[in-house]
Amino acid sequence: MMRALLPVLRGKRIVDLGCGMGWASRFMCDEGAASVPGLDLSQTMIA
């Protein structure tokens, strides 16, 4: 369902705020995003 809501990501620069464990970030990279830095307040989630 998420895929249907997003525009074409190829070549886009995206910031994943509240990335958690990075699942959405990985998805966006797999879809061709140029860069996807992830930010989260939880050090445990980033690790």
PDB file of N, CA and C in Angstrom:
ATOM      1  N   MET A   1       0.824  -1.189   0.000  1.00  0.00           N
ATOM      2  CA  MET A   1       0.000   0.000   0.000  1.00  0.00           C
ATOM      3  C   MET A   1       0.875   1.261   0.000  1.00  0.00           C
ATOM      4  N   MET A   2       1.974   1.232   0.743  1.00  0.00           N
ATOM      5  CA  MET A   2       2.853   2.396   0.807  1.00  0.00           C
ATOM      6  C   MET A   2       3.373   2.772  -0.576  1.00  0.00           C
ATOM      7  N   ARG A   3       3.729   1.784  -1.344  1.00  0.00           N
ATOM      8  CA  ARG A   3       4.261   2.020  -2.689  1.00  0.00           C
ATOM      9  C   ARG A   3       3.281   2.808  -3.548  1.00  0.00           C
ATOM     10  N   ALA A   4       2.000   2.519  -3.433  1.00  0.00           N
ATOM     11  CA  ALA A   4       0.982   3.201  -4.232  1.00  0.00           C
ATOM     12  C   ALA A   4       0.845   4.678  -3.857  1.00  0.00           C
ATOM     13  N   LEU A   5       1.207   5.040  -2.641  1.00  0.00           N
ATOM     14  CA  LEU A   5       1.076   6.420  -2.183  1.00  0.00           C
ATOM     15  C   LEU A   5       2.268   7.292  -2.547  1.00  0.00           C
ATOM     16  N   LEU A   6       3.388   6.681  -2.891  1.00  0.00           N
ATOM     17  CA  LEU A   6       4.621   7.428  -3.148  1.00  0.00           C
ATOM     18  C   LEU A   6       4.792   7.749  -4.627  1.00  0.00           C
ATOM     19  N   PRO A   7       5.441   8.887  -4.911  1.00  0.00           N
ATOM     20  CA  PRO A   7       5.795   9.169  -6.307  1.00  0.00           C
ATOM     21  C   PRO A   7       6.971   8.287  -6.720  1.00  0.00           C
ATOM     22  N   VAL A   8       7.390   8.380  -7.951  1.00  0.00           N
ATOM     23  CA  VAL A   8       8.581   7.669  -8.412  1.00  0.00           C
ATOM     24  C   VAL A   8       9.770   8.193  -7.602  1.00  0.00           C
ATOM     25  N   LEU A   9      10.544   7.292  -7.008  1.00  0.00           N
ATOM     26  CA  LEU A   9      11.637   7.685  -6.116  1.00  0.00           C
ATOM     27  C   LEU A   9      12.994   7.726  -6.799  1.00  0.00           C
ATOM     28  N   ARG A  10      13.088   7.195  -8.005  1.00  0.00           N
ATOM     29  CA  ARG A  10      14.379   7.120  -8.694  1.00  0.00           C
ATOM     30  C   ARG A  10      15.014   8.501  -8.798  1.00  0.00           C
ATOM     31  N   GLY A  11      16.252   8.610  -8.279  1.00  0.00           N
ATOM     32  CA  GLY A  11      17.022   9.836  -8.362  1.00  0.00           C
ATOM     33  C   GLY A  11      16.690  10.897  -7.316  1.00  0.00           C
ATOM     34  N   LYS A  12      15.699  10.650  -6.479  1.00  0.00           N
ATOM     35  CA  LYS A  12      15.291  11.638  -5.469  1.00  0.00           C
ATOM     36  C   LYS A  12      16.215  11.586  -4.256  1.00  0.00           C
ATOM     37  N   ARG A  13      16.374  12.720  -3.595  1.00  0.00           N
ATOM     38  CA  ARG A  13      17.086  12.798  -2.311  1.00  0.00           C
ATOM     39  C   ARG A  13      16.009  12.910  -1.236  1.00  0.00           C
ATOM     40  N   ILE A  14      15.996  11.957  -0.309  1.00  0.00           N
ATOM     41  CA  ILE A  14      14.929  11.833   0.685  1.00  0.00           C
ATOM     42  C   ILE A  14      15.538  11.787   2.075  1.00  0.00           C
ATOM     43  N   VAL A  15      14.873  12.399   3.052  1.00  0.00           N
ATOM     44  CA  VAL A  15      15.272  12.275   4.460  1.00  0.00           C
ATOM     45  C   VAL A  15      14.169  11.483   5.160  1.00  0.00           C
ATOM     46  N   ASP A  16      14.545  10.400   5.819  1.00  0.00           N
ATOM     47  CA  ASP A  16      13.594   9.561   6.553  1.00  0.00           C
ATOM     48  C   ASP A  16      13.633   9.979   8.021  1.00  0.00           C
ATOM     49  N   LEU A  17      12.707  10.849   8.412  1.00  0.00           N
ATOM     50  CA  LEU A  17      12.630  11.318   9.801  1.00  0.00           C
ATOM     51  C   LEU A  17      11.881  10.296  10.641  1.00  0.00           C
ATOM     52  N   GLY A  18      12.463   9.922  11.771  1.00  0.00           N
ATOM     53  CA  GLY A  18      11.862   8.875  12.601  1.00  0.00           C
ATOM     54  C   GLY A  18      12.006   7.526  11.916  1.00  0.00           C
ATOM     55  N   CYS A  19      13.200   7.243  11.423  1.00  0.00           N
ATOM     56  CA  CYS A  19      13.425   6.072  10.579  1.00  0.00           C
ATOM     57  C   CYS A  19      13.326   4.737  11.315  1.00  0.00           C
ATOM     58  N   GLY A  20      13.395   4.765  12.643  1.00  0.00           N
ATOM     59  CA  GLY A  20      13.332   3.501  13.374  1.00  0.00           C
ATOM     60  C   GLY A  20      14.466   2.583  12.961  1.00  0.00           C
ATOM     61  N   MET A  21      14.135   1.377  12.546  1.00  0.00           N
ATOM     62  CA  MET A  21      15.154   0.403  12.154  1.00  0.00           C
ATOM     63  C   MET A  21      15.535   0.517  10.683  1.00  0.00           C
ATOM     64  N   GLY A  22      14.956   1.472   9.963  1.00  0.00           N
ATOM     65  CA  GLY A  22      15.379   1.742   8.599  1.00  0.00           C
ATOM     66  C   GLY A  22      14.683   0.966   7.505  1.00  0.00           C
ATOM     67  N   TRP A  23      13.575   0.306   7.814  1.00  0.00           N
ATOM     68  CA  TRP A  23      12.895  -0.485   6.781  1.00  0.00           C
ATOM     69  C   TRP A  23      12.418   0.378   5.623  1.00  0.00           C
ATOM     70  N   ALA A  24      11.828   1.532   5.905  1.00  0.00           N
ATOM     71  CA  ALA A  24      11.360   2.417   4.832  1.00  0.00           C
ATOM     72  C   ALA A  24      12.554   2.990   4.067  1.00  0.00           C
ATOM     73  N   SER A  25      13.635   3.299   4.787  1.00  0.00           N
ATOM     74  CA  SER A  25      14.842   3.819   4.128  1.00  0.00           C
ATOM     75  C   SER A  25      15.380   2.795   3.128  1.00  0.00           C
ATOM     76  N   ARG A  26      15.444   1.549   3.537  1.00  0.00           N
ATOM     77  CA  ARG A  26      15.924   0.488   2.640  1.00  0.00           C
ATOM     78  C   ARG A  26      15.013   0.355   1.430  1.00  0.00           C
ATOM     79  N   PHE A  27      13.711   0.410   1.670  1.00  0.00           N
ATOM     80  CA  PHE A  27      12.739   0.314   0.580  1.00  0.00           C
ATOM     81  C   PHE A  27      12.974   1.437  -0.430  1.00  0.00           C
ATOM     82  N   MET A  28      13.156   2.679   0.071  1.00  0.00           N
ATOM     83  CA  MET A  28      13.348   3.815  -0.818  1.00  0.00           C
ATOM     84  C   MET A  28      14.655   3.697  -1.600  1.00  0.00           C
ATOM     85  N   CYS A  29      15.696   3.187  -0.974  1.00  0.00           N
ATOM     86  CA  CYS A  29      16.958   2.933  -1.696  1.00  0.00           C
ATOM     87  C   CYS A  29      16.754   1.892  -2.781  1.00  0.00           C
ATOM     88  N   ASP A  30      16.047   0.831  -2.442  1.00  0.00           N
ATOM     89  CA  ASP A  30      15.769  -0.225  -3.421  1.00  0.00           C
ATOM     90  C   ASP A  30      14.956   0.299  -4.598  1.00  0.00           C
ATOM     91  N   GLU A  31      14.149   1.330  -4.360  1.00  0.00           N
ATOM     92  CA  GLU A  31      13.335   1.930  -5.416  1.00  0.00           C
ATOM     93  C   GLU A  31      14.120   2.951  -6.241  1.00  0.00           C
ATOM     94  N   GLY A  32      15.412   3.151  -5.915  1.00  0.00           N
ATOM     95  CA  GLY A  32      16.268   3.983  -6.741  1.00  0.00           C
ATOM     96  C   GLY A  32      16.522   5.387  -6.228  1.00  0.00           C
ATOM     97  N   ALA A  33      16.154   5.680  -4.990  1.00  0.00           N
ATOM     98  CA  ALA A  33      16.436   7.003  -4.442  1.00  0.00           C
ATOM     99  C   ALA A  33      17.942   7.258  -4.455  1.00  0.00           C
ATOM    100  N   ALA A  34      18.334   8.489  -4.749  1.00  0.00           N
ATOM    101  CA  ALA A  34      19.755   8.838  -4.831  1.00  0.00           C
ATOM    102  C   ALA A  34      20.416   8.797  -3.461  1.00  0.00           C
ATOM    103  N   SER A  35      19.712   9.272  -2.426  1.00  0.00           N
ATOM    104  CA  SER A  35      20.221   9.205  -1.055  1.00  0.00           C
ATOM    105  C   SER A  35      19.056   9.219  -0.090  1.00  0.00           C
ATOM    106  N   VAL A  36      19.233   8.488   1.014  1.00  0.00           N
ATOM    107  CA  VAL A  36      18.188   8.408   2.036  1.00  0.00           C
ATOM    108  C   VAL A  36      18.837   8.375   3.414  1.00  0.00           C
ATOM    109  N   PRO A  37      19.250   9.530   3.940  1.00  0.00           N
ATOM    110  CA  PRO A  37      19.735   9.526   5.322  1.00  0.00           C
ATOM    111  C   PRO A  37      18.558   9.317   6.270  1.00  0.00           C
ATOM    112  N   GLY A  38      18.775   8.536   7.312  1.00  0.00           N
ATOM    113  CA  GLY A  38      17.732   8.279   8.295  1.00  0.00           C
ATOM    114  C   GLY A  38      18.067   8.925   9.627  1.00  0.00           C
ATOM    115  N   LEU A  39      17.087   9.559  10.237  1.00  0.00           N
ATOM    116  CA  LEU A  39      17.257  10.214  11.533  1.00  0.00           C
ATOM    117  C   LEU A  39      16.227   9.671  12.508  1.00  0.00           C
ATOM    118  N   ASP A  40      16.697   9.348  13.720  1.00  0.00           N
ATOM    119  CA  ASP A  40      15.788   8.871  14.756  1.00  0.00           C
ATOM    120  C   ASP A  40      16.359   9.268  16.112  1.00  0.00           C
ATOM    121  N   LEU A  41      15.502   9.594  17.064  1.00  0.00           N
ATOM    122  CA  LEU A  41      15.943   9.957  18.401  1.00  0.00           C
ATOM    123  C   LEU A  41      16.467   8.771  19.201  1.00  0.00           C
ATOM    124  N   SER A  42      16.030   7.583  18.856  1.00  0.00           N
ATOM    125  CA  SER A  42      16.397   6.389  19.596  1.00  0.00           C
ATOM    126  C   SER A  42      17.714   5.803  19.081  1.00  0.00           C
ATOM    127  N   GLN A  43      18.766   5.883  19.882  1.00  0.00           N
ATOM    128  CA  GLN A  43      20.048   5.277  19.526  1.00  0.00           C
ATOM    129  C   GLN A  43      19.915   3.774  19.327  1.00  0.00           C
ATOM    130  N   THR A  44      19.046   3.152  20.112  1.00  0.00           N
ATOM    131  CA  THR A  44      18.833   1.706  20.007  1.00  0.00           C
ATOM    132  C   THR A  44      18.264   1.353  18.630  1.00  0.00           C
ATOM    133  N   MET A  45      17.319   2.124  18.145  1.00  0.00           N
ATOM    134  CA  MET A  45      16.738   1.849  16.838  1.00  0.00           C
ATOM    135  C   MET A  45      17.774   2.046  15.726  1.00  0.00           C
ATOM    136  N   ILE A  46      18.592   3.075  15.843  1.00  0.00           N
ATOM    137  CA  ILE A  46      19.623   3.326  14.832  1.00  0.00           C
ATOM    138  C   ILE A  46      20.632   2.189  14.807  1.00  0.00           C
ATOM    139  N   ALA A  47      21.009   1.697  15.988  1.00  0.00           N
ATOM    140  CA  ALA A  47      21.981   0.609  16.074  1.00  0.00           C
ATOM    141  C   ALA A  47      21.438  -0.632  15.393  1.00  0.00           C
TER     142      ALA A  47
END
